[in-house]
Amino acid sequence: MSEASIVHALLRCRRKDGLAKGVFELVRADLGLWVLELPEVLEEIVESLGRNQRLLKDLRVGGDDYTLHLAVDFDEGLRFIIPRELAALSVDFGFSIEIFVSS
């Protein structure tokens, strides 16, 4: 069985303060929407998140919509597995995982 592939990955959060500044990009000031663009390979996503773990842990408090967004190209018969390292980061850093499937 083949694997589905990630076509876009980002971590987003909405905050009224500037805590995400320096790592995230402010894309909608009116909404306080901050975005961190990530690589499209799961192992590289885990590495990238791990490099910023202190900030990412701090972001879980005082904001909302703290979510890892993965857009996945997914044809029938393919599978997409969230590795346990990424699931553990989700728990440790307090973000949700959202998967958008396209085919």
PDB file of N, CA and C in Angstrom:
ATOM      1  N   MET A   1       0.844  -1.171   0.000  1.00  0.00           N
ATOM      2  CA  MET A   1       0.000   0.000   0.000  1.00  0.00           C
ATOM      3  C   MET A   1       0.890   1.235   0.000  1.00  0.00           C
ATOM      4  N   SER A   2       0.614   2.200  -0.849  1.00  0.00           N
ATOM      5  CA  SER A   2       1.383   3.436  -0.950  1.00  0.00           C
ATOM      6  C   SER A   2       0.936   4.437   0.112  1.00  0.00           C
ATOM      7  N   GLU A   3       1.774   5.417   0.327  1.00  0.00           N
ATOM      8  CA  GLU A   3       1.482   6.465   1.293  1.00  0.00           C
ATOM      9  C   GLU A   3       0.939   7.703   0.580  1.00  0.00           C
ATOM     10  N   ALA A   4       0.051   8.401   1.227  1.00  0.00           N
ATOM     11  CA  ALA A   4      -0.407   9.701   0.742  1.00  0.00           C
ATOM     12  C   ALA A   4       0.724  10.709   0.949  1.00  0.00           C
ATOM     13  N   SER A   5       0.692  11.821   0.239  1.00  0.00           N
ATOM     14  CA  SER A   5       1.766  12.803   0.377  1.00  0.00           C
ATOM     15  C   SER A   5       1.220  14.156   0.852  1.00  0.00           C
ATOM     16  N   ILE A   6       2.018  14.821   1.659  1.00  0.00           N
ATOM     17  CA  ILE A   6       1.668  16.155   2.147  1.00  0.00           C
ATOM     18  C   ILE A   6       1.974  17.155   1.042  1.00  0.00           C
ATOM     19  N   VAL A   7       1.022  18.026   0.752  1.00  0.00           N
ATOM     20  CA  VAL A   7       1.241  19.061  -0.261  1.00  0.00           C
ATOM     21  C   VAL A   7       1.372  20.456   0.369  1.00  0.00           C
ATOM     22  N   HIS A   8       0.992  20.584   1.634  1.00  0.00           N
ATOM     23  CA  HIS A   8       1.159  21.854   2.343  1.00  0.00           C
ATOM     24  C   HIS A   8       1.078  21.587   3.841  1.00  0.00           C
ATOM     25  N   ALA A   9       1.940  22.246   4.600  1.00  0.00           N
ATOM     26  CA  ALA A   9       1.935  22.073   6.052  1.00  0.00           C
ATOM     27  C   ALA A   9       2.243  23.401   6.730  1.00  0.00           C
ATOM     28  N   LEU A  10       1.468  23.713   7.761  1.00  0.00           N
ATOM     29  CA  LEU A  10       1.730  24.918   8.542  1.00  0.00           C
ATOM     30  C   LEU A  10       1.158  24.750   9.936  1.00  0.00           C
ATOM     31  N   LEU A  11       1.732  25.492  10.856  1.00  0.00           N
ATOM     32  CA  LEU A  11       1.216  25.576  12.223  1.00  0.00           C
ATOM     33  C   LEU A  11       0.659  26.976  12.373  1.00  0.00           C
ATOM     34  N   ARG A  12      -0.585  27.092  12.826  1.00  0.00           N
ATOM     35  CA  ARG A  12      -1.205  28.410  12.963  1.00  0.00           C
ATOM     36  C   ARG A  12      -1.711  28.603  14.385  1.00  0.00           C
ATOM     37  N   CYS A  13      -1.751  29.857  14.770  1.00  0.00           N
ATOM     38  CA  CYS A  13      -2.338  30.207  16.056  1.00  0.00           C
ATOM     39  C   CYS A  13      -2.918  31.610  15.950  1.00  0.00           C
ATOM     40  N   ARG A  14      -3.897  31.867  16.766  1.00  0.00           N
ATOM     41  CA  ARG A  14      -4.483  33.209  16.863  1.00  0.00           C
ATOM     42  C   ARG A  14      -4.170  33.733  18.249  1.00  0.00           C
ATOM     43  N   ARG A  15      -3.518  34.907  18.254  1.00  0.00           N
ATOM     44  CA  ARG A  15      -3.109  35.520  19.515  1.00  0.00           C
ATOM     45  C   ARG A  15      -3.253  37.020  19.411  1.00  0.00           C
ATOM     46  N   LYS A  16      -3.563  37.645  20.516  1.00  0.00           N
ATOM     47  CA  LYS A  16      -3.653  39.107  20.572  1.00  0.00           C
ATOM     48  C   LYS A  16      -2.303  39.733  20.938  1.00  0.00           C
ATOM     49  N   ASP A  17      -1.401  38.928  21.494  1.00  0.00           N
ATOM     50  CA  ASP A  17      -0.066  39.436  21.830  1.00  0.00           C
ATOM     51  C   ASP A  17       0.916  39.083  20.694  1.00  0.00           C
ATOM     52  N   GLY A  18       2.157  39.433  20.864  1.00  0.00           N
ATOM     53  CA  GLY A  18       3.164  39.169  19.833  1.00  0.00           C
ATOM     54  C   GLY A  18       4.088  38.027  20.172  1.00  0.00           C
ATOM     55  N   LEU A  19       3.636  37.099  21.027  1.00  0.00           N
ATOM     56  CA  LEU A  19       4.505  36.014  21.477  1.00  0.00           C
ATOM     57  C   LEU A  19       5.065  35.187  20.323  1.00  0.00           C
ATOM     58  N   ALA A  20       4.306  35.000  19.260  1.00  0.00           N
ATOM     59  CA  ALA A  20       4.738  34.156  18.128  1.00  0.00           C
ATOM     60  C   ALA A  20       5.740  34.863  17.218  1.00  0.00           C
ATOM     61  N   LYS A  21       5.918  36.166  17.410  1.00  0.00           N
ATOM     62  CA  LYS A  21       6.794  36.961  16.550  1.00  0.00           C
ATOM     63  C   LYS A  21       8.221  36.409  16.561  1.00  0.00           C
ATOM     64  N   GLY A  22       8.841  36.432  15.401  1.00  0.00           N
ATOM     65  CA  GLY A  22      10.217  35.953  15.286  1.00  0.00           C
ATOM     66  C   GLY A  22      10.305  34.555  14.715  1.00  0.00           C
ATOM     67  N   VAL A  23       9.316  33.729  14.984  1.00  0.00           N
ATOM     68  CA  VAL A  23       9.271  32.369  14.425  1.00  0.00           C
ATOM     69  C   VAL A  23       8.097  32.255  13.456  1.00  0.00           C
ATOM     70  N   PHE A  24       6.959  32.801  13.847  1.00  0.00           N
ATOM     71  CA  PHE A  24       5.756  32.786  13.018  1.00  0.00           C
ATOM     72  C   PHE A  24       5.666  34.087  12.231  1.00  0.00           C
ATOM     73  N   GLU A  25       4.888  34.068  11.171  1.00  0.00           N
ATOM     74  CA  GLU A  25       4.603  35.265  10.390  1.00  0.00           C
ATOM     75  C   GLU A  25       3.171  35.712  10.686  1.00  0.00           C
ATOM     76  N   LEU A  26       2.989  36.982  10.952  1.00  0.00           N
ATOM     77  CA  LEU A  26       1.655  37.542  11.165  1.00  0.00           C
ATOM     78  C   LEU A  26       1.007  37.743   9.798  1.00  0.00           C
ATOM     79  N   VAL A  27      -0.016  36.929   9.483  1.00  0.00           N
ATOM     80  CA  VAL A  27      -0.638  36.988   8.155  1.00  0.00           C
ATOM     81  C   VAL A  27      -1.953  37.761   8.150  1.00  0.00           C
ATOM     82  N   ARG A  28      -2.610  37.892   9.291  1.00  0.00           N
ATOM     83  CA  ARG A  28      -3.842  38.680   9.408  1.00  0.00           C
ATOM     84  C   ARG A  28      -3.834  39.366  10.765  1.00  0.00           C
ATOM     85  N   ALA A  29      -3.349  40.607  10.767  1.00  0.00           N
ATOM     86  CA  ALA A  29      -3.263  41.357  12.019  1.00  0.00           C
ATOM     87  C   ALA A  29      -4.633  41.572  12.637  1.00  0.00           C
ATOM     88  N   ASP A  30      -5.660  41.768  11.804  1.00  0.00           N
ATOM     89  CA  ASP A  30      -7.001  42.016  12.325  1.00  0.00           C
ATOM     90  C   ASP A  30      -7.551  40.811  13.086  1.00  0.00           C
ATOM     91  N   LEU A  31      -7.085  39.619  12.739  1.00  0.00           N
ATOM     92  CA  LEU A  31      -7.520  38.401  13.428  1.00  0.00           C
ATOM     93  C   LEU A  31      -6.480  37.886  14.423  1.00  0.00           C
ATOM     94  N   GLY A  32      -5.291  38.487  14.422  1.00  0.00           N
ATOM     95  CA  GLY A  32      -4.205  37.970  15.253  1.00  0.00           C
ATOM     96  C   GLY A  32      -3.746  36.606  14.779  1.00  0.00           C
ATOM     97  N   LEU A  33      -3.794  36.371  13.462  1.00  0.00           N
ATOM     98  CA  LEU A  33      -3.469  35.053  12.895  1.00  0.00           C
ATOM     99  C   LEU A  33      -1.990  34.976  12.527  1.00  0.00           C
ATOM    100  N   TRP A  34      -1.306  34.060  13.189  1.00  0.00           N
ATOM    101  CA  TRP A  34       0.117  33.820  12.983  1.00  0.00           C
ATOM    102  C   TRP A  34       0.290  32.460  12.325  1.00  0.00           C
ATOM    103  N   VAL A  35       1.259  32.342  11.404  1.00  0.00           N
ATOM    104  CA  VAL A  35       1.476  31.101  10.663  1.00  0.00           C
ATOM    105  C   VAL A  35       2.966  30.778  10.616  1.00  0.00           C
ATOM    106  N   LEU A  36       3.275  29.519  10.828  1.00  0.00           N
ATOM    107  CA  LEU A  36       4.628  28.991  10.649  1.00  0.00           C
ATOM    108  C   LEU A  36       4.567  27.971   9.523  1.00  0.00           C
ATOM    109  N   GLU A  37       5.145  28.315   8.368  1.00  0.00           N
ATOM    110  CA  GLU A  37       5.189  27.383   7.234  1.00  0.00           C
ATOM    111  C   GLU A  37       6.152  26.248   7.572  1.00  0.00           C
ATOM    112  N   LEU A  38       5.777  25.042   7.223  1.00  0.00           N
ATOM    113  CA  LEU A  38       6.572  23.857   7.548  1.00  0.00           C
ATOM    114  C   LEU A  38       6.912  23.079   6.279  1.00  0.00           C
ATOM    115  N   PRO A  39       7.936  22.221   6.355  1.00  0.00           N
ATOM    116  CA  PRO A  39       8.259  21.367   5.217  1.00  0.00           C
ATOM    117  C   PRO A  39       7.116  20.385   4.930  1.00  0.00           C
ATOM    118  N   GLU A  40       7.185  19.695   3.817  1.00  0.00           N
ATOM    119  CA  GLU A  40       6.112  18.774   3.409  1.00  0.00           C
ATOM    120  C   GLU A  40       6.470  17.308   3.634  1.00  0.00           C
ATOM    121  N   VAL A  41       7.441  17.074   4.496  1.00  0.00           N
ATOM    122  CA  VAL A  41       7.857  15.715   4.849  1.00  0.00           C
ATOM    123  C   VAL A  41       7.696  15.565   6.357  1.00  0.00           C
ATOM    124  N   LEU A  42       7.000  14.515   6.784  1.00  0.00           N
ATOM    125  CA  LEU A  42       6.675  14.360   8.214  1.00  0.00           C
ATOM    126  C   LEU A  42       7.900  14.416   9.115  1.00  0.00           C
ATOM    127  N   GLU A  43       8.964  13.741   8.758  1.00  0.00           N
ATOM    128  CA  GLU A  43      10.160  13.735   9.600  1.00  0.00           C
ATOM    129  C   GLU A  43      10.735  15.145   9.736  1.00  0.00           C
ATOM    130  N   GLU A  44      10.695  15.926   8.649  1.00  0.00           N
ATOM    131  CA  GLU A  44      11.209  17.288   8.689  1.00  0.00           C
ATOM    132  C   GLU A  44      10.280  18.203   9.489  1.00  0.00           C
ATOM    133  N   ILE A  45       8.989  17.930   9.462  1.00  0.00           N
ATOM    134  CA  ILE A  45       8.039  18.687  10.287  1.00  0.00           C
ATOM    135  C   ILE A  45       8.360  18.479  11.761  1.00  0.00           C
ATOM    136  N   VAL A  46       8.573  17.227  12.148  1.00  0.00           N
ATOM    137  CA  VAL A  46       8.907  16.906  13.543  1.00  0.00           C
ATOM    138  C   VAL A  46      10.193  17.626  13.947  1.00  0.00           C
ATOM    139  N   GLU A  47      11.218  17.600  13.086  1.00  0.00           N
ATOM    140  CA  GLU A  47      12.486  18.275  13.383  1.00  0.00           C
ATOM    141  C   GLU A  47      12.283  19.785  13.529  1.00  0.00           C
ATOM    142  N   SER A  48      11.537  20.378  12.618  1.00  0.00           N
ATOM    143  CA  SER A  48      11.295  21.819  12.648  1.00  0.00           C
ATOM    144  C   SER A  48      10.569  22.230  13.924  1.00  0.00           C
ATOM    145  N   LEU A  49       9.547  21.486  14.311  1.00  0.00           N
ATOM    146  CA  LEU A  49       8.813  21.783  15.541  1.00  0.00           C
ATOM    147  C   LEU A  49       9.711  21.612  16.758  1.00  0.00           C
ATOM    148  N   GLY A  50      10.543  20.600  16.740  1.00  0.00           N
ATOM    149  CA  GLY A  50      11.440  20.352  17.858  1.00  0.00           C
ATOM    150  C   GLY A  50      12.450  21.475  18.073  1.00  0.00           C
ATOM    151  N   ARG A  51      12.862  22.148  16.998  1.00  0.00           N
ATOM    152  CA  ARG A  51      13.824  23.253  17.107  1.00  0.00           C
ATOM    153  C   ARG A  51      13.244  24.457  17.848  1.00  0.00           C
ATOM    154  N   ASN A  52      11.938  24.567  17.864  1.00  0.00           N
ATOM    155  CA  ASN A  52      11.279  25.719  18.491  1.00  0.00           C
ATOM    156  C   ASN A  52      10.412  25.317  19.675  1.00  0.00           C
ATOM    157  N   GLN A  53      10.795  24.254  20.349  1.00  0.00           N
ATOM    158  CA  GLN A  53       9.900  23.683  21.356  1.00  0.00           C
ATOM    159  C   GLN A  53       9.581  24.619  22.520  1.00  0.00           C
ATOM    160  N   ARG A  54      10.502  25.431  22.951  1.00  0.00           N
ATOM    161  CA  ARG A  54      10.210  26.328  24.084  1.00  0.00           C
ATOM    162  C   ARG A  54       9.082  27.295  23.720  1.00  0.00           C
ATOM    163  N   LEU A  55       9.194  27.950  22.549  1.00  0.00           N
ATOM    164  CA  LEU A  55       8.151  28.870  22.108  1.00  0.00           C
ATOM    165  C   LEU A  55       6.839  28.125  21.884  1.00  0.00           C
ATOM    166  N   LEU A  56       6.890  26.973  21.229  1.00  0.00           N
ATOM    167  CA  LEU A  56       5.668  26.237  20.908  1.00  0.00           C
ATOM    168  C   LEU A  56       4.929  25.801  22.171  1.00  0.00           C
ATOM    169  N   LYS A  57       5.662  25.460  23.214  1.00  0.00           N
ATOM    170  CA  LYS A  57       5.003  25.131  24.484  1.00  0.00           C
ATOM    171  C   LYS A  57       4.356  26.370  25.102  1.00  0.00           C
ATOM    172  N   ASP A  58       5.028  27.510  24.988  1.00  0.00           N
ATOM    173  CA  ASP A  58       4.480  28.749  25.545  1.00  0.00           C
ATOM    174  C   ASP A  58       3.215  29.195  24.814  1.00  0.00           C
ATOM    175  N   LEU A  59       3.111  28.878  23.522  1.00  0.00           N
ATOM    176  CA  LEU A  59       1.967  29.327  22.723  1.00  0.00           C
ATOM    177  C   LEU A  59       0.658  28.638  23.098  1.00  0.00           C
ATOM    178  N   ARG A  60       0.731  27.541  23.823  1.00  0.00           N
ATOM    179  CA  ARG A  60      -0.502  26.819  24.164  1.00  0.00           C
ATOM    180  C   ARG A  60      -1.378  27.585  25.155  1.00  0.00           C
ATOM    181  N   VAL A  61      -0.801  28.594  25.804  1.00  0.00           N
ATOM    182  CA  VAL A  61      -1.543  29.388  26.780  1.00  0.00           C
ATOM    183  C   VAL A  61      -1.804  30.778  26.211  1.00  0.00           C
ATOM    184  N   GLY A  62      -3.035  31.250  26.339  1.00  0.00           N
ATOM    185  CA  GLY A  62      -3.349  32.620  25.988  1.00  0.00           C
ATOM    186  C   GLY A  62      -3.749  32.876  24.550  1.00  0.00           C
ATOM    187  N   GLY A  63      -3.980  31.840  23.783  1.00  0.00           N
ATOM    188  CA  GLY A  63      -4.398  32.009  22.396  1.00  0.00           C
ATOM    189  C   GLY A  63      -5.480  30.999  22.062  1.00  0.00           C
ATOM    190  N   ASP A  64      -5.869  30.997  20.802  1.00  0.00           N
ATOM    191  CA  ASP A  64      -6.812  29.969  20.369  1.00  0.00           C
ATOM    192  C   ASP A  64      -6.470  29.542  18.934  1.00  0.00           C
ATOM    193  N   ASP A  65      -7.183  28.570  18.427  1.00  0.00           N
ATOM    194  CA  ASP A  65      -6.953  28.002  17.105  1.00  0.00           C
ATOM    195  C   ASP A  65      -5.486  27.662  16.896  1.00  0.00           C
ATOM    196  N   TYR A  66      -4.911  26.946  17.852  1.00  0.00           N
ATOM    197  CA  TYR A  66      -3.522  26.500  17.769  1.00  0.00           C
ATOM    198  C   TYR A  66      -3.551  25.141  17.087  1.00  0.00           C
ATOM    199  N   THR A  67      -3.225  25.110  15.777  1.00  0.00           N
ATOM    200  CA  THR A  67      -3.490  23.921  14.968  1.00  0.00           C
ATOM    201  C   THR A  67      -2.384  23.661  13.961  1.00  0.00           C
ATOM    202  N   LEU A  68      -1.994  22.403  13.856  1.00  0.00           N
ATOM    203  CA  LEU A  68      -1.122  21.951  12.775  1.00  0.00           C
ATOM    204  C   LEU A  68      -2.028  21.563  11.620  1.00  0.00           C
ATOM    205  N   HIS A  69      -1.887  22.277  10.502  1.00  0.00           N
ATOM    206  CA  HIS A  69      -2.700  22.027   9.310  1.00  0.00           C
ATOM    207  C   HIS A  69      -1.854  21.240   8.316  1.00  0.00           C
ATOM    208  N   LEU A  70      -2.381  20.087   7.894  1.00  0.00           N
ATOM    209  CA  LEU A  70      -1.722  19.277   6.874  1.00  0.00           C
ATOM    210  C   LEU A  70      -2.683  19.087   5.716  1.00  0.00           C
ATOM    211  N   ALA A  71      -2.298  19.553   4.531  1.00  0.00           N
ATOM    212  CA  ALA A  71      -3.067  19.289   3.314  1.00  0.00           C
ATOM    213  C   ALA A  71      -2.409  18.081   2.657  1.00  0.00           C
ATOM    214  N   VAL A  72      -3.214  17.049   2.434  1.00  0.00           N
ATOM    215  CA  VAL A  72      -2.682  15.761   1.975  1.00  0.00           C
ATOM    216  C   VAL A  72      -3.328  15.377   0.660  1.00  0.00           C
ATOM    217  N   ASP A  73      -2.497  14.979  -0.300  1.00  0.00           N
ATOM    218  CA  ASP A  73      -2.988  14.433  -1.557  1.00  0.00           C
ATOM    219  C   ASP A  73      -3.265  12.953  -1.309  1.00  0.00           C
ATOM    220  N   PHE A  74      -4.518  12.571  -1.431  1.00  0.00           N
ATOM    221  CA  PHE A  74      -4.962  11.275  -0.932  1.00  0.00           C
ATOM    222  C   PHE A  74      -5.871  10.605  -1.942  1.00  0.00           C
ATOM    223  N   ASP A  75      -5.363   9.619  -2.660  1.00  0.00           N
ATOM    224  CA  ASP A  75      -6.178   8.839  -3.585  1.00  0.00           C
ATOM    225  C   ASP A  75      -6.706   7.598  -2.878  1.00  0.00           C
ATOM    226  N   GLU A  76      -7.781   7.056  -3.388  1.00  0.00           N
ATOM    227  CA  GLU A  76      -8.368   5.844  -2.801  1.00  0.00           C
ATOM    228  C   GLU A  76      -7.314   4.750  -2.711  1.00  0.00           C
ATOM    229  N   GLY A  77      -7.275   4.095  -1.595  1.00  0.00           N
ATOM    230  CA  GLY A  77      -6.332   3.004  -1.379  1.00  0.00           C
ATOM    231  C   GLY A  77      -5.017   3.426  -0.756  1.00  0.00           C
ATOM    232  N   LEU A  78      -4.800   4.730  -0.596  1.00  0.00           N
ATOM    233  CA  LEU A  78      -3.586   5.211   0.053  1.00  0.00           C
ATOM    234  C   LEU A  78      -3.843   5.394   1.544  1.00  0.00           C
ATOM    235  N   ARG A  79      -2.787   5.450   2.304  1.00  0.00           N
ATOM    236  CA  ARG A  79      -2.931   5.674   3.745  1.00  0.00           C
ATOM    237  C   ARG A  79      -2.049   6.836   4.167  1.00  0.00           C
ATOM    238  N   PHE A  80      -2.419   7.435   5.271  1.00  0.00           N
ATOM    239  CA  PHE A  80      -1.649   8.531   5.844  1.00  0.00           C
ATOM    240  C   PHE A  80      -1.528   8.258   7.333  1.00  0.00           C
ATOM    241  N   ILE A  81      -0.318   8.110   7.798  1.00  0.00           N
ATOM    242  CA  ILE A  81      -0.071   7.756   9.190  1.00  0.00           C
ATOM    243  C   ILE A  81       0.579   8.938   9.910  1.00  0.00           C
ATOM    244  N   ILE A  82      -0.009   9.345  11.033  1.00  0.00           N
ATOM    245  CA  ILE A  82       0.610  10.357  11.896  1.00  0.00           C
ATOM    246  C   ILE A  82       1.608   9.615  12.782  1.00  0.00           C
ATOM    247  N   PRO A  83       2.899   9.886  12.618  1.00  0.00           N
ATOM    248  CA  PRO A  83       3.879   9.174  13.447  1.00  0.00           C
ATOM    249  C   PRO A  83       3.736   9.543  14.925  1.00  0.00           C
ATOM    250  N   ARG A  84       4.079   8.643  15.779  1.00  0.00           N
ATOM    251  CA  ARG A  84       3.903   8.865  17.214  1.00  0.00           C
ATOM    252  C   ARG A  84       4.699  10.066  17.710  1.00  0.00           C
ATOM    253  N   GLU A  85       5.844  10.381  17.068  1.00  0.00           N
ATOM    254  CA  GLU A  85       6.630  11.549  17.468  1.00  0.00           C
ATOM    255  C   GLU A  85       5.834  12.841  17.238  1.00  0.00           C
ATOM    256  N   LEU A  86       5.105  12.904  16.119  1.00  0.00           N
ATOM    257  CA  LEU A  86       4.291  14.081  15.837  1.00  0.00           C
ATOM    258  C   LEU A  86       3.080  14.140  16.773  1.00  0.00           C
ATOM    259  N   ALA A  87       2.472  13.003  17.032  1.00  0.00           N
ATOM    260  CA  ALA A  87       1.352  12.958  17.973  1.00  0.00           C
ATOM    261  C   ALA A  87       1.809  13.391  19.368  1.00  0.00           C
ATOM    262  N   ALA A  88       3.008  12.978  19.767  1.00  0.00           N
ATOM    263  CA  ALA A  88       3.540  13.366  21.078  1.00  0.00           C
ATOM    264  C   ALA A  88       3.784  14.876  21.147  1.00  0.00           C
ATOM    265  N   LEU A  89       4.298  15.467  20.058  1.00  0.00           N
ATOM    266  CA  LEU A  89       4.495  16.917  20.035  1.00  0.00           C
ATOM    267  C   LEU A  89       3.164  17.642  20.147  1.00  0.00           C
ATOM    268  N   SER A  90       2.141  17.108  19.508  1.00  0.00           N
ATOM    269  CA  SER A  90       0.810  17.701  19.590  1.00  0.00           C
ATOM    270  C   SER A  90       0.340  17.763  21.041  1.00  0.00           C
ATOM    271  N   VAL A  91       0.555  16.702  21.763  1.00  0.00           N
ATOM    272  CA  VAL A  91       0.168  16.660  23.174  1.00  0.00           C
ATOM    273  C   VAL A  91       1.060  17.584  24.003  1.00  0.00           C
ATOM    274  N   ASP A  92       2.370  17.506  23.827  1.00  0.00           N
ATOM    275  CA  ASP A  92       3.305  18.315  24.611  1.00  0.00           C
ATOM    276  C   ASP A  92       3.132  19.812  24.374  1.00  0.00           C
ATOM    277  N   PHE A  93       2.901  20.199  23.108  1.00  0.00           N
ATOM    278  CA  PHE A  93       2.815  21.614  22.762  1.00  0.00           C
ATOM    279  C   PHE A  93       1.385  22.123  22.794  1.00  0.00           C
ATOM    280  N   GLY A  94       0.411  21.242  22.830  1.00  0.00           N
ATOM    281  CA  GLY A  94      -0.993  21.639  22.962  1.00  0.00           C
ATOM    282  C   GLY A  94      -1.686  22.067  21.688  1.00  0.00           C
ATOM    283  N   PHE A  95      -1.203  21.640  20.527  1.00  0.00           N
ATOM    284  CA  PHE A  95      -1.894  21.996  19.291  1.00  0.00           C
ATOM    285  C   PHE A  95      -2.713  20.823  18.757  1.00  0.00           C
ATOM    286  N   SER A  96      -3.766  21.155  18.030  1.00  0.00           N
ATOM    287  CA  SER A  96      -4.590  20.137  17.357  1.00  0.00           C
ATOM    288  C   SER A  96      -3.965  19.818  16.015  1.00  0.00           C
ATOM    289  N   ILE A  97      -4.385  18.705  15.424  1.00  0.00           N
ATOM    290  CA  ILE A  97      -3.942  18.337  14.086  1.00  0.00           C
ATOM    291  C   ILE A  97      -5.163  18.293  13.193  1.00  0.00           C
ATOM    292  N   GLU A  98      -5.104  19.050  12.102  1.00  0.00           N
ATOM    293  CA  GLU A  98      -6.183  19.141  11.127  1.00  0.00           C
ATOM    294  C   GLU A  98      -5.637  18.591   9.808  1.00  0.00           C
ATOM    295  N   ILE A  99      -6.366  17.658   9.211  1.00  0.00           N
ATOM    296  CA  ILE A  99      -5.940  17.086   7.936  1.00  0.00           C
ATOM    297  C   ILE A  99      -6.978  17.427   6.886  1.00  0.00           C
ATOM    298  N   PHE A 100      -6.533  18.127   5.847  1.00  0.00           N
ATOM    299  CA  PHE A 100      -7.376  18.462   4.708  1.00  0.00           C
ATOM    300  C   PHE A 100      -7.005  17.507   3.584  1.00  0.00           C
ATOM    301  N   VAL A 101      -7.959  16.733   3.110  1.00  0.00           N
ATOM    302  CA  VAL A 101      -7.704  15.713   2.098  1.00  0.00           C
ATOM    303  C   VAL A 101      -8.159  16.212   0.743  1.00  0.00           C
ATOM    304  N   SER A 102      -7.265  16.109  -0.227  1.00  0.00           N
ATOM    305  CA  SER A 102      -7.629  16.391  -1.619  1.00  0.00           C
ATOM    306  C   SER A 102      -7.287  15.154  -2.446  1.00  0.00           C
ATOM    307  N   SER A 103      -7.996  14.994  -3.544  1.00  0.00           N
ATOM    308  CA  SER A 103      -7.711  13.834  -4.403  1.00  0.00           C
ATOM    309  C   SER A 103      -7.683  14.248  -5.850  1.00  0.00           C
TER     310      SER A 103
END
